[in-house]
Protein backbone atom coordinates (compact mmCIF):
# COMPACT_ATOMS: atom_id res chain seq x y z
CA UNK A 1 -11.47 10.01 42.46
CA UNK A 2 -10.83 8.54 39.15
CA UNK A 3 -11.68 5.17 40.16
CA UNK A 4 -15.45 6.30 40.63
CA UNK A 5 -15.35 7.42 36.89
CA UNK A 6 -16.83 5.02 34.56
CA UNK A 7 -15.31 4.63 30.93
CA UNK A 8 -17.18 3.01 28.51
CA UNK A 9 -15.46 0.97 25.55
CA UNK A 10 -16.10 3.04 22.14
CA UNK A 11 -19.00 1.72 20.45
CA UNK A 12 -18.29 -0.92 17.48
CA UNK A 13 -20.43 -0.17 14.26
CA UNK A 14 -22.28 -3.20 13.67
CA UNK A 15 -21.33 -4.48 10.03
CA UNK A 16 -23.15 -7.00 7.90
CA UNK A 17 -22.00 -10.34 7.38
CA UNK A 18 -20.44 -9.99 4.30
CA UNK A 19 -18.46 -6.78 4.94
CA UNK A 20 -16.85 -8.66 8.39
CA UNK A 21 -13.23 -9.97 7.70
CA UNK A 22 -13.33 -13.41 9.79
CA UNK A 23 -16.01 -15.23 8.22
CA UNK A 24 -15.43 -14.22 4.67
CA UNK A 25 -11.68 -15.14 5.01
CA UNK A 26 -12.86 -18.43 6.42
CA UNK A 27 -15.22 -18.59 3.18
CA UNK A 28 -12.54 -17.34 0.84
CA UNK A 29 -10.09 -20.23 2.14
CA UNK A 30 -12.77 -22.94 1.72
CA UNK A 31 -13.37 -21.60 -1.83
CA UNK A 32 -9.52 -22.21 -2.39
CA UNK A 33 -9.25 -25.37 -1.12
CA UNK A 34 -12.60 -26.87 -2.98
CA UNK A 35 -10.80 -25.40 -6.16
CA UNK A 36 -7.41 -27.58 -5.44
CA UNK A 37 -9.89 -30.96 -4.60
CA UNK A 38 -11.69 -30.00 -8.19
CA UNK A 39 -8.12 -29.79 -9.93
CA UNK A 40 -7.12 -32.71 -9.01
CA UNK A 41 -10.11 -34.79 -8.84
CA UNK A 42 -9.83 -37.62 -11.93
CA UNK A 43 -13.67 -38.27 -12.64
CA UNK A 44 -15.78 -35.49 -13.74
CA UNK A 45 -14.12 -33.40 -16.42
CA UNK A 46 -17.03 -30.42 -15.68
CA UNK A 47 -15.27 -30.17 -11.98
CA UNK A 48 -11.69 -30.04 -13.96
CA UNK A 49 -12.93 -27.50 -16.09
CA UNK A 50 -14.67 -25.01 -13.55
CA UNK A 51 -11.17 -25.50 -10.67
CA UNK A 52 -9.47 -22.51 -12.36
CA UNK A 53 -12.27 -20.17 -11.81
CA UNK A 54 -13.10 -21.42 -8.40
CA UNK A 55 -9.21 -20.77 -7.29
CA UNK A 56 -9.15 -17.36 -8.98
CA UNK A 57 -12.31 -16.49 -7.08
CA UNK A 58 -10.91 -17.76 -3.62
CA UNK A 59 -7.47 -16.07 -4.12
CA UNK A 60 -9.31 -12.74 -4.98
CA UNK A 61 -11.71 -12.88 -2.52
CA UNK A 62 -8.98 -13.51 0.39
CA UNK A 63 -6.77 -10.85 -1.08
CA UNK A 64 -9.75 -8.25 -0.84
CA UNK A 65 -11.29 -9.57 2.28
CA UNK A 66 -7.81 -9.21 4.34
CA UNK A 67 -8.00 -5.56 3.88
CA UNK A 68 -11.46 -5.35 5.62
CA UNK A 69 -11.10 -4.44 9.60
CA UNK A 70 -11.99 -6.60 12.12
């Protein structure tokens, strides 16, 4: 009889884009990479100046987002 019972998986709550782990980890990783590229480029002082800020934002964002549920 148990093969006739249809069991549905629990409904997953829909989360907005900024509360999902996968896309936000990708954005944080891109920010970290962009910060390194900005740090190592020799041409524009403005990019070099803001490279540390970009690295810190990406790192903190990655730490926070890695705690989000899938």
